Amino acid sequence: MSYIVSALDNRDGWSIKITGGIFYNHSGSASLYNFDGTYGSLDVINCTFYNSICGNTPILITCTTTNFYNNIIYNTDNNCQLYVRDNTGMGFPAIDINMSHNLVYGGESGIWTSPNNNLNWLEGNIDYDPLLFEQEIGIGFLDEDSPCRDAGTLDLPVGITLSEYDVYGYSRVYGDNIDIGAVEWTPGQVASDVNEIGNEGNELLVYPNPAFISEMRKPGLNIVWLAKERSSGNMELEVFNIFGQKVYSSGVIENGFTLEKPGVWDFRNQDGKLVSSGFYIVRLKAGNEYQVQQKLTVIK
């Protein structure tokens, strides 16, 4: 399983840039193998590699110049976390690999490279349990006590531009510094304070999801509700953030077995301001009872 925010492959110059990726639970072949890049460059920035069992190694490197910055590489079932191939025997240049501000299982000894290559173990690299956790909305989250918090660097290789948000829509930098890994720690990620409700055969579709509101000409959330039976009472749509705070209420809308409502929410809170990036819970209520809910990701 992989989630990637950005992957750019410039084949003319053999320049590959991967930022914000989660490589999780892979087996068999390597999670990341950059083939046919013998004369090229590879930049891997703010990625998370974990819980994979990949033969000899989860990561196989062949590019002449390789930079790993702000990554979590924590695959406890592999002794070798990163394998740097020896190209010199085939007449190719040695590989220069630069490691900065990474969490690597086993530290420098977790990387195998030929003496013919140049491993530059720079400042900021650590070897601890990253204290990752998973929840229903995704994987790769940092615990509040994770050593990866504020432990990264913004002094990145030339040509690297980080996205403003991580893979889940959280601001890429929160606190004093950028975190190591693909997901930036943000208060409230541990669990939502909004209680789950059973849909019991009813279905609520919300789209677009994720909603990239900065790319919309006229931001608006569309909903389709397919009800098992007609509900009594007036219908309302409500939106909650991950802290359980209500950020929007639609007022009374139609009632029936089906409901299709385009543009029902313009992604603004009750004060008329656009909501921040993050996760939200969209609910339909009939009278005093919630009927159905759906999770929504908003990215500004």
C-alpha atoms as a PDB file:
ATOM      1  CA  MET A   1       0.000   0.000   0.000  1.00  0.00           C
ATOM      2  CA  SER A   2       1.370   3.433  -0.926  1.00  0.00           C
ATOM      3  CA  TYR A   3       0.135   6.986  -0.672  1.00  0.00           C
ATOM      4  CA  ILE A   4       2.199   9.618  -2.484  1.00  0.00           C
ATOM      5  CA  VAL A   5       1.749  13.388  -2.421  1.00  0.00           C
ATOM      6  CA  SER A   6       4.163  14.095  -5.251  1.00  0.00           C
ATOM      7  CA  ALA A   7       6.378  12.032  -7.550  1.00  0.00           C
ATOM      8  CA  LEU A   8       8.177  13.745 -10.424  1.00  0.00           C
ATOM      9  CA  ASP A   9      10.187  11.785 -12.979  1.00  0.00           C
ATOM     10  CA  ASN A  10      12.252  13.858 -15.401  1.00  0.00           C
ATOM     11  CA  ARG A  11      13.546  11.175 -17.730  1.00  0.00           C
ATOM     12  CA  ASP A  12      15.614  13.562 -19.859  1.00  0.00           C
ATOM     13  CA  GLY A  13      17.848  14.318 -16.885  1.00  0.00           C
ATOM     14  CA  TRP A  14      16.938  11.210 -14.891  1.00  0.00           C
ATOM     15  CA  SER A  15      15.743  13.294 -11.986  1.00  0.00           C
ATOM     16  CA  ILE A  16      13.201  11.568  -9.715  1.00  0.00           C
ATOM     17  CA  LYS A  17      11.670  13.456  -6.790  1.00  0.00           C
ATOM     18  CA  ILE A  18       9.308  11.757  -4.314  1.00  0.00           C
ATOM     19  CA  THR A  19       7.799  13.764  -1.461  1.00  0.00           C
ATOM     20  CA  GLY A  20       5.204  12.941   1.176  1.00  0.00           C
ATOM     21  CA  GLY A  21       4.803   9.251   0.365  1.00  0.00           C
ATOM     22  CA  ILE A  22       3.671   6.436   2.671  1.00  0.00           C
ATOM     23  CA  PHE A  23       4.989   2.987   1.739  1.00  0.00           C
ATOM     24  CA  TYR A  24       3.331   0.499   4.071  1.00  0.00           C
ATOM     25  CA  ASN A  25       2.916  -3.250   4.466  1.00  0.00           C
ATOM     26  CA  HIS A  26       4.729  -4.229   1.277  1.00  0.00           C
ATOM     27  CA  SER A  27       5.944  -7.771   0.740  1.00  0.00           C
ATOM     28  CA  GLY A  28       7.967  -9.481  -1.945  1.00  0.00           C
ATOM     29  CA  SER A  29       9.762  -6.873  -4.059  1.00  0.00           C
ATOM     30  CA  ALA A  30      11.133  -3.614  -2.709  1.00  0.00           C
ATOM     31  CA  SER A  31       8.806  -0.763  -1.686  1.00  0.00           C
ATOM     32  CA  LEU A  32      10.994   1.628  -3.664  1.00  0.00           C
ATOM     33  CA  TYR A  33      13.277   0.528  -6.496  1.00  0.00           C
ATOM     34  CA  ASN A  34      14.522   3.194  -8.882  1.00  0.00           C
ATOM     35  CA  PHE A  35      15.599   1.209 -11.916  1.00  0.00           C
ATOM     36  CA  ASP A  36      17.425   2.487 -15.016  1.00  0.00           C
ATOM     37  CA  GLY A  37      18.587   5.590 -13.165  1.00  0.00           C
ATOM     38  CA  THR A  38      22.279   4.817 -13.148  1.00  0.00           C
ATOM     39  CA  TYR A  39      23.327   8.298 -14.244  1.00  0.00           C
ATOM     40  CA  GLY A  40      20.430  10.133 -12.643  1.00  0.00           C
ATOM     41  CA  SER A  41      19.413  11.611  -9.319  1.00  0.00           C
ATOM     42  CA  LEU A  42      16.814  10.623  -6.752  1.00  0.00           C
ATOM     43  CA  ASP A  43      15.350  12.818  -3.998  1.00  0.00           C
ATOM     44  CA  VAL A  44      13.154  11.179  -1.343  1.00  0.00           C
ATOM     45  CA  ILE A  45      11.744  13.765   1.053  1.00  0.00           C
ATOM     46  CA  ASN A  46       9.349  13.387   4.004  1.00  0.00           C
ATOM     47  CA  CYS A  47       8.291   9.830   3.235  1.00  0.00           C
ATOM     48  CA  THR A  48       7.396   6.994   5.587  1.00  0.00           C
ATOM     49  CA  PHE A  49       8.457   3.391   4.933  1.00  0.00           C
ATOM     50  CA  TYR A  50       7.272   0.915   7.533  1.00  0.00           C
ATOM     51  CA  ASN A  51       5.860  -2.511   8.345  1.00  0.00           C
ATOM     52  CA  SER A  52       7.142  -4.086   5.130  1.00  0.00           C
ATOM     53  CA  ILE A  53       8.900  -7.407   4.506  1.00  0.00           C
ATOM     54  CA  CYS A  54      10.658  -7.066   1.155  1.00  0.00           C
ATOM     55  CA  GLY A  55      13.151  -9.835   0.481  1.00  0.00           C
ATOM     56  CA  ASN A  56      16.590  -8.394   1.152  1.00  0.00           C
ATOM     57  CA  THR A  57      15.578  -4.744   1.525  1.00  0.00           C
ATOM     58  CA  PRO A  58      12.570  -2.404   1.302  1.00  0.00           C
ATOM     59  CA  ILE A  59      14.555   0.225  -0.656  1.00  0.00           C
ATOM     60  CA  LEU A  60      16.976  -0.445  -3.535  1.00  0.00           C
ATOM     61  CA  ILE A  61      18.994   2.497  -4.851  1.00  0.00           C
ATOM     62  CA  THR A  62      20.801   2.729  -8.199  1.00  0.00           C
ATOM     63  CA  CYS A  63      20.888   6.476  -8.977  1.00  0.00           C
ATOM     64  CA  THR A  64      24.293   8.178  -9.065  1.00  0.00           C
ATOM     65  CA  THR A  65      23.152  10.972  -6.710  1.00  0.00           C
ATOM     66  CA  THR A  66      20.576  10.141  -4.033  1.00  0.00           C
ATOM     67  CA  ASN A  67      19.225  12.348  -1.244  1.00  0.00           C
ATOM     68  CA  PHE A  68      17.117  11.088   1.661  1.00  0.00           C
ATOM     69  CA  TYR A  69      15.803  13.887   3.908  1.00  0.00           C
ATOM     70  CA  ASN A  70      13.168  13.790   6.672  1.00  0.00           C
ATOM     71  CA  ASN A  71      12.152  10.150   6.107  1.00  0.00           C
ATOM     72  CA  ILE A  72      11.018   7.393   8.450  1.00  0.00           C
ATOM     73  CA  ILE A  73      12.498   4.039   7.399  1.00  0.00           C
ATOM     74  CA  TYR A  74      11.291   1.567   9.982  1.00  0.00           C
ATOM     75  CA  ASN A  75      10.776  -1.989   8.754  1.00  0.00           C
ATOM     76  CA  THR A  76      11.636  -4.136  11.749  1.00  0.00           C
ATOM     77  CA  ASP A  77      11.480  -7.436   9.827  1.00  0.00           C
ATOM     78  CA  ASN A  78      14.336  -6.367   7.538  1.00  0.00           C
ATOM     79  CA  ASN A  79      17.887  -6.029   8.863  1.00  0.00           C
ATOM     80  CA  CYS A  80      18.831  -3.991   5.805  1.00  0.00           C
ATOM     81  CA  GLN A  81      16.597  -0.952   5.448  1.00  0.00           C
ATOM     82  CA  LEU A  82      18.227   0.526   2.358  1.00  0.00           C
ATOM     83  CA  TYR A  83      20.455  -1.195  -0.191  1.00  0.00           C
ATOM     84  CA  VAL A  84      22.736   0.921  -2.387  1.00  0.00           C
ATOM     85  CA  ARG A  85      23.860  -1.028  -5.434  1.00  0.00           C
ATOM     86  CA  ASP A  86      27.480  -1.124  -6.549  1.00  0.00           C
ATOM     87  CA  ASN A  87      27.465   0.104 -10.147  1.00  0.00           C
ATOM     88  CA  THR A  88      31.210   0.427 -10.557  1.00  0.00           C
ATOM     89  CA  GLY A  89      31.673  -3.175 -11.632  1.00  0.00           C
ATOM     90  CA  MET A  90      29.503  -2.420 -14.684  1.00  0.00           C
ATOM     91  CA  GLY A  91      31.552   0.627 -15.604  1.00  0.00           C
ATOM     92  CA  PHE A  92      29.150   3.162 -14.084  1.00  0.00           C
ATOM     93  CA  PRO A  93      29.996   5.899 -11.563  1.00  0.00           C
ATOM     94  CA  ALA A  94      29.936   5.295  -7.813  1.00  0.00           C
ATOM     95  CA  ILE A  95      26.785   6.393  -5.988  1.00  0.00           C
ATOM     96  CA  ASP A  96      26.736   9.396  -3.660  1.00  0.00           C
ATOM     97  CA  ILE A  97      23.961   9.012  -1.087  1.00  0.00           C
ATOM     98  CA  ASN A  98      23.203  11.795   1.375  1.00  0.00           C
ATOM     99  CA  MET A  99      21.204  10.959   4.505  1.00  0.00           C
ATOM    100  CA  SER A 100      19.943  13.890   6.603  1.00  0.00           C
ATOM    101  CA  HIS A 101      17.359  14.072   9.411  1.00  0.00           C
ATOM    102  CA  ASN A 102      15.981  10.570   8.875  1.00  0.00           C
ATOM    103  CA  LEU A 103      14.785   8.009  11.378  1.00  0.00           C
ATOM    104  CA  VAL A 104      16.374   4.732  10.265  1.00  0.00           C
ATOM    105  CA  TYR A 105      15.834   1.402  12.001  1.00  0.00           C
ATOM    106  CA  GLY A 106      19.316   0.243  12.981  1.00  0.00           C
ATOM    107  CA  GLY A 107      20.844   3.645  12.294  1.00  0.00           C
ATOM    108  CA  GLU A 108      23.739   3.800   9.848  1.00  0.00           C
ATOM    109  CA  SER A 109      24.206   0.035  10.132  1.00  0.00           C
ATOM    110  CA  GLY A 110      20.717  -0.377   8.631  1.00  0.00           C
ATOM    111  CA  ILE A 111      22.113   0.799   5.284  1.00  0.00           C
ATOM    112  CA  TRP A 112      24.155  -1.527   3.088  1.00  0.00           C
ATOM    113  CA  THR A 113      26.451   0.004   0.513  1.00  0.00           C
ATOM    114  CA  SER A 114      29.635  -1.024  -1.236  1.00  0.00           C
ATOM    115  CA  PRO A 115      32.887   0.647  -0.129  1.00  0.00           C
ATOM    116  CA  ASN A 116      33.016   1.944  -3.701  1.00  0.00           C
ATOM    117  CA  ASN A 117      30.021   4.195  -2.995  1.00  0.00           C
ATOM    118  CA  ASN A 118      29.969   7.319  -0.839  1.00  0.00           C
ATOM    119  CA  LEU A 119      27.546   7.264   2.094  1.00  0.00           C
ATOM    120  CA  ASN A 120      27.302  10.695   3.689  1.00  0.00           C
ATOM    121  CA  TRP A 121      25.660  10.252   7.092  1.00  0.00           C
ATOM    122  CA  LEU A 122      24.790  13.873   7.836  1.00  0.00           C
ATOM    123  CA  GLU A 123      23.349  15.532  10.932  1.00  0.00           C
ATOM    124  CA  GLY A 124      19.918  14.907  12.362  1.00  0.00           C
ATOM    125  CA  ASN A 125      19.629  11.161  11.722  1.00  0.00           C
ATOM    126  CA  ILE A 126      18.156   9.131  14.600  1.00  0.00           C
ATOM    127  CA  ASP A 127      17.417   5.511  15.499  1.00  0.00           C
ATOM    128  CA  TYR A 128      14.353   5.247  17.743  1.00  0.00           C
ATOM    129  CA  ASP A 129      10.878   3.778  17.617  1.00  0.00           C
ATOM    130  CA  PRO A 130       8.936   6.449  15.681  1.00  0.00           C
ATOM    131  CA  LEU A 131       5.763   5.694  17.681  1.00  0.00           C
ATOM    132  CA  LEU A 132       3.493   5.444  14.661  1.00  0.00           C
ATOM    133  CA  PHE A 133      -0.167   4.575  14.898  1.00  0.00           C
ATOM    134  CA  GLU A 134      -3.052   3.865  12.563  1.00  0.00           C
ATOM    135  CA  GLN A 135      -6.668   4.877  12.707  1.00  0.00           C
ATOM    136  CA  GLU A 136      -9.722   4.462  10.540  1.00  0.00           C
ATOM    137  CA  ILE A 137      -8.983   7.526   8.436  1.00  0.00           C
ATOM    138  CA  GLY A 138      -5.419   6.523   7.592  1.00  0.00           C
ATOM    139  CA  ILE A 139      -1.973   5.262   8.573  1.00  0.00           C
ATOM    140  CA  GLY A 140       1.412   6.672   9.470  1.00  0.00           C
ATOM    141  CA  PHE A 141       0.332   9.119  12.181  1.00  0.00           C
ATOM    142  CA  LEU A 142       2.831  10.240  14.816  1.00  0.00           C
ATOM    143  CA  ASP A 143       2.149   9.817  18.508  1.00  0.00           C
ATOM    144  CA  GLU A 144       2.359  12.999  20.565  1.00  0.00           C
ATOM    145  CA  ASP A 145       5.587  11.675  22.119  1.00  0.00           C
ATOM    146  CA  SER A 146       7.161  10.621  18.814  1.00  0.00           C
ATOM    147  CA  PRO A 147      10.858  11.524  18.427  1.00  0.00           C
ATOM    148  CA  CYS A 148      10.018  12.593  14.854  1.00  0.00           C
ATOM    149  CA  ARG A 149       8.111  15.679  15.953  1.00  0.00           C
ATOM    150  CA  ASP A 150       9.923  18.909  14.961  1.00  0.00           C
ATOM    151  CA  ALA A 151      13.024  16.795  14.179  1.00  0.00           C
ATOM    152  CA  GLY A 152      13.244  17.383  10.423  1.00  0.00           C
ATOM    153  CA  THR A 153      14.947  20.065   8.383  1.00  0.00           C
ATOM    154  CA  LEU A 154      13.814  22.649   5.844  1.00  0.00           C
ATOM    155  CA  ASP A 155      17.347  22.916   4.465  1.00  0.00           C
ATOM    156  CA  LEU A 156      16.517  20.654   1.533  1.00  0.00           C
ATOM    157  CA  PRO A 157      18.318  19.770  -1.710  1.00  0.00           C
ATOM    158  CA  VAL A 158      18.131  22.280  -4.551  1.00  0.00           C
ATOM    159  CA  GLY A 159      14.944  22.014  -6.584  1.00  0.00           C
ATOM    160  CA  ILE A 160      12.763  20.540  -3.827  1.00  0.00           C
ATOM    161  CA  THR A 161       9.456  22.307  -3.166  1.00  0.00           C
ATOM    162  CA  LEU A 162       7.295  20.778  -0.471  1.00  0.00           C
ATOM    163  CA  SER A 163       3.531  20.795  -0.696  1.00  0.00           C
ATOM    164  CA  GLU A 164       1.799  23.166   1.710  1.00  0.00           C
ATOM    165  CA  TYR A 165      -0.068  20.168   3.135  1.00  0.00           C
ATOM    166  CA  ASP A 166       0.759  16.560   3.953  1.00  0.00           C
ATOM    167  CA  VAL A 167      -0.982  13.526   2.465  1.00  0.00           C
ATOM    168  CA  TYR A 168      -3.984  13.934   4.807  1.00  0.00           C
ATOM    169  CA  GLY A 169      -4.404  17.662   4.310  1.00  0.00           C
ATOM    170  CA  TYR A 170      -2.686  18.861   7.483  1.00  0.00           C
ATOM    171  CA  SER A 171      -0.319  21.819   7.283  1.00  0.00           C
ATOM    172  CA  ARG A 172       3.128  20.527   6.331  1.00  0.00           C
ATOM    173  CA  VAL A 173       4.798  22.453   9.154  1.00  0.00           C
ATOM    174  CA  TYR A 174       3.178  22.619  12.582  1.00  0.00           C
ATOM    175  CA  GLY A 175       5.075  23.775  15.655  1.00  0.00           C
ATOM    176  CA  ASP A 176       8.715  24.796  15.762  1.00  0.00           C
ATOM    177  CA  ASN A 177       9.896  22.772  12.760  1.00  0.00           C
ATOM    178  CA  ILE A 178       8.860  20.239  10.139  1.00  0.00           C
ATOM    179  CA  ASP A 179       8.392  16.657  11.355  1.00  0.00           C
ATOM    180  CA  ILE A 180      10.218  13.598  10.067  1.00  0.00           C
ATOM    181  CA  GLY A 181       7.921  11.406   7.986  1.00  0.00           C
ATOM    182  CA  ALA A 182       4.961  11.822   5.661  1.00  0.00           C
ATOM    183  CA  VAL A 183       2.410  12.993   8.251  1.00  0.00           C
ATOM    184  CA  GLU A 184       2.794  16.170  10.270  1.00  0.00           C
ATOM    185  CA  TRP A 185       1.741  15.825  13.899  1.00  0.00           C
ATOM    186  CA  THR A 186      -1.241  18.066  14.655  1.00  0.00           C
ATOM    187  CA  PRO A 187      -3.354  18.209  17.836  1.00  0.00           C
ATOM    188  CA  GLY A 188      -6.480  16.107  17.690  1.00  0.00           C
ATOM    189  CA  GLN A 189      -5.195  13.384  15.356  1.00  0.00           C
ATOM    190  CA  VAL A 190      -5.325  10.636  17.981  1.00  0.00           C
ATOM    191  CA  ALA A 191      -9.055  10.138  17.714  1.00  0.00           C
ATOM    192  CA  SER A 192     -12.129  12.077  16.785  1.00  0.00           C
ATOM    193  CA  ASP A 193     -14.400  13.295  19.560  1.00  0.00           C
ATOM    194  CA  VAL A 194     -17.379  12.764  17.250  1.00  0.00           C
ATOM    195  CA  ASN A 195     -19.130   9.544  18.209  1.00  0.00           C
ATOM    196  CA  GLU A 196     -19.793   7.018  15.473  1.00  0.00           C
ATOM    197  CA  ILE A 197     -23.365   6.374  14.368  1.00  0.00           C
ATOM    198  CA  GLY A 198     -24.622   3.352  12.469  1.00  0.00           C
ATOM    199  CA  ASN A 199     -25.894   3.942   8.941  1.00  0.00           C
ATOM    200  CA  GLU A 200     -28.114   0.846   9.128  1.00  0.00           C
ATOM    201  CA  GLY A 201     -28.676   0.421   5.418  1.00  0.00           C
ATOM    202  CA  ASN A 202     -28.835   4.126   4.597  1.00  0.00           C
ATOM    203  CA  GLU A 203     -26.113   5.542   2.385  1.00  0.00           C
ATOM    204  CA  LEU A 204     -24.682   9.044   2.292  1.00  0.00           C
ATOM    205  CA  LEU A 205     -22.429  10.047  -0.600  1.00  0.00           C
ATOM    206  CA  VAL A 206     -20.419  13.264  -0.333  1.00  0.00           C
ATOM    207  CA  TYR A 207     -18.327  14.595  -3.213  1.00  0.00           C
ATOM    208  CA  PRO A 208     -15.816  15.771  -4.148  1.00  0.00           C
ATOM    209  CA  ASN A 209     -13.923  13.846  -1.482  1.00  0.00           C
ATOM    210  CA  PRO A 210     -11.190  14.818  -0.901  1.00  0.00           C
ATOM    211  CA  ALA A 211     -12.265  18.365  -1.659  1.00  0.00           C
ATOM    212  CA  PHE A 212      -9.456  20.545  -3.045  1.00  0.00           C
ATOM    213  CA  ILE A 213     -11.313  23.794  -2.484  1.00  0.00           C
ATOM    214  CA  SER A 214      -8.583  26.056  -3.879  1.00  0.00           C
ATOM    215  CA  GLU A 215      -9.056  24.383  -7.275  1.00  0.00           C
ATOM    216  CA  MET A 216     -12.830  24.875  -7.385  1.00  0.00           C
ATOM    217  CA  ARG A 217     -14.292  27.754  -9.357  1.00  0.00           C
ATOM    218  CA  LYS A 218     -17.203  27.850  -6.908  1.00  0.00           C
ATOM    219  CA  PRO A 219     -16.538  25.662  -3.837  1.00  0.00           C
ATOM    220  CA  GLY A 220     -19.466  23.476  -2.918  1.00  0.00           C
ATOM    221  CA  LEU A 221     -20.061  20.053  -1.364  1.00  0.00           C
ATOM    222  CA  ASN A 222     -22.613  17.810  -3.059  1.00  0.00           C
ATOM    223  CA  ILE A 223     -24.532  15.115  -1.191  1.00  0.00           C
ATOM    224  CA  VAL A 224     -26.687  12.186  -2.214  1.00  0.00           C
ATOM    225  CA  TRP A 225     -28.670  10.385   0.474  1.00  0.00           C
ATOM    226  CA  LEU A 226     -30.276   7.009  -0.251  1.00  0.00           C
ATOM    227  CA  ALA A 227     -32.622   6.126   2.599  1.00  0.00           C
ATOM    228  CA  LYS A 228     -33.945   2.696   3.513  1.00  0.00           C
ATOM    229  CA  GLU A 229     -37.166   4.341   4.690  1.00  0.00           C
ATOM    230  CA  ARG A 230     -38.549   7.841   4.912  1.00  0.00           C
ATOM    231  CA  SER A 231     -37.477   9.625   8.092  1.00  0.00           C
ATOM    232  CA  SER A 232     -39.843  11.697  10.162  1.00  0.00           C
ATOM    233  CA  GLY A 233     -38.980  15.255  11.094  1.00  0.00           C
ATOM    234  CA  ASN A 234     -37.171  18.008   9.262  1.00  0.00           C
ATOM    235  CA  MET A 235     -33.799  17.187   7.761  1.00  0.00           C
ATOM    236  CA  GLU A 236     -30.608  19.098   8.526  1.00  0.00           C
ATOM    237  CA  LEU A 237     -27.020  18.679   7.401  1.00  0.00           C
ATOM    238  CA  GLU A 238     -24.325  19.291  10.011  1.00  0.00           C
ATOM    239  CA  VAL A 239     -20.539  19.274   9.715  1.00  0.00           C
ATOM    240  CA  PHE A 240     -18.135  18.596  12.614  1.00  0.00           C
ATOM    241  CA  ASN A 241     -14.367  18.916  12.834  1.00  0.00           C
ATOM    242  CA  ILE A 242     -12.178  16.210  14.416  1.00  0.00           C
ATOM    243  CA  PHE A 243     -12.508  17.873  17.829  1.00  0.00           C
ATOM    244  CA  GLY A 244     -16.276  17.295  17.784  1.00  0.00           C
ATOM    245  CA  GLN A 245     -17.055  20.978  17.244  1.00  0.00           C
ATOM    246  CA  LYS A 246     -19.916  21.797  14.906  1.00  0.00           C
ATOM    247  CA  VAL A 247     -18.644  24.090  12.145  1.00  0.00           C
ATOM    248  CA  TYR A 248     -21.734  24.227   9.932  1.00  0.00           C
ATOM    249  CA  SER A 249     -25.473  23.622   9.996  1.00  0.00           C
ATOM    250  CA  SER A 250     -27.585  23.870   6.856  1.00  0.00           C
ATOM    251  CA  GLY A 251     -30.954  24.571   8.395  1.00  0.00           C
ATOM    252  CA  VAL A 252     -34.020  22.663   7.164  1.00  0.00           C
ATOM    253  CA  ILE A 253     -33.691  20.818   3.853  1.00  0.00           C
ATOM    254  CA  GLU A 254     -35.989  18.367   2.039  1.00  0.00           C
ATOM    255  CA  ASN A 255     -37.124  15.093   3.495  1.00  0.00           C
ATOM    256  CA  GLY A 256     -37.754  11.851   1.640  1.00  0.00           C
ATOM    257  CA  PHE A 257     -36.441   8.446   0.647  1.00  0.00           C
ATOM    258  CA  THR A 258     -33.737  10.060  -1.472  1.00  0.00           C
ATOM    259  CA  LEU A 259     -32.063  13.427  -1.286  1.00  0.00           C
ATOM    260  CA  GLU A 260     -29.730  14.957  -3.829  1.00  0.00           C
ATOM    261  CA  LYS A 261     -28.392  18.368  -2.921  1.00  0.00           C
ATOM    262  CA  PRO A 262     -25.693  20.086  -5.012  1.00  0.00           C
ATOM    263  CA  GLY A 263     -23.556  22.724  -3.352  1.00  0.00           C
ATOM    264  CA  VAL A 264     -25.163  22.171   0.046  1.00  0.00           C
ATOM    265  CA  TRP A 265     -22.049  23.418   1.865  1.00  0.00           C
ATOM    266  CA  ASP A 266     -19.588  26.033   0.597  1.00  0.00           C
ATOM    267  CA  PHE A 267     -16.839  24.917   3.027  1.00  0.00           C
ATOM    268  CA  ARG A 268     -17.352  27.956   5.237  1.00  0.00           C
ATOM    269  CA  ASN A 269     -17.989  27.914   8.959  1.00  0.00           C
ATOM    270  CA  GLN A 270     -20.791  29.714  10.751  1.00  0.00           C
ATOM    271  CA  ASP A 271     -18.724  32.921  10.660  1.00  0.00           C
ATOM    272  CA  GLY A 272     -18.467  32.784   6.878  1.00  0.00           C
ATOM    273  CA  LYS A 273     -14.762  31.879   6.810  1.00  0.00           C
ATOM    274  CA  LEU A 274     -13.360  28.984   4.776  1.00  0.00           C
ATOM    275  CA  VAL A 275     -12.559  26.048   7.042  1.00  0.00           C
ATOM    276  CA  SER A 276      -8.979  24.844   7.398  1.00  0.00           C
ATOM    277  CA  SER A 277      -7.584  21.711   5.793  1.00  0.00           C
ATOM    278  CA  GLY A 278      -8.292  18.507   7.665  1.00  0.00           C
ATOM    279  CA  PHE A 279     -10.879  15.822   8.331  1.00  0.00           C
ATOM    280  CA  TYR A 280     -14.565  16.487   8.889  1.00  0.00           C
ATOM    281  CA  ILE A 281     -17.678  14.454   9.670  1.00  0.00           C
ATOM    282  CA  VAL A 282     -20.773  15.200   7.569  1.00  0.00           C
ATOM    283  CA  ARG A 283     -24.066  14.146   9.165  1.00  0.00           C
ATOM    284  CA  LEU A 284     -27.739  14.184   8.251  1.00  0.00           C
ATOM    285  CA  LYS A 285     -30.203  14.672  11.086  1.00  0.00           C
ATOM    286  CA  ALA A 286     -33.964  14.086  11.119  1.00  0.00           C
ATOM    287  CA  GLY A 287     -35.659  15.762  14.041  1.00  0.00           C
ATOM    288  CA  ASN A 288     -33.330  15.128  16.974  1.00  0.00           C
ATOM    289  CA  GLU A 289     -31.745  11.941  15.601  1.00  0.00           C
ATOM    290  CA  TYR A 290     -28.749  11.528  13.317  1.00  0.00           C
ATOM    291  CA  GLN A 291     -29.511   9.181  10.433  1.00  0.00           C
ATOM    292  CA  VAL A 292     -26.246   8.795   8.568  1.00  0.00           C
ATOM    293  CA  GLN A 293     -22.718  10.196   8.420  1.00  0.00           C
ATOM    294  CA  GLN A 294     -19.693  10.284   6.137  1.00  0.00           C
ATOM    295  CA  LYS A 295     -16.068  11.335   6.539  1.00  0.00           C
ATOM    296  CA  LEU A 296     -14.727  14.151   4.383  1.00  0.00           C
ATOM    297  CA  THR A 297     -11.205  15.407   3.709  1.00  0.00           C
ATOM    298  CA  VAL A 298     -10.804  19.117   2.920  1.00  0.00           C
ATOM    299  CA  ILE A 299      -7.573  20.433   1.367  1.00  0.00           C
ATOM    300  CA  LYS A 300      -7.107  24.163   0.755  1.00  0.00           C
END
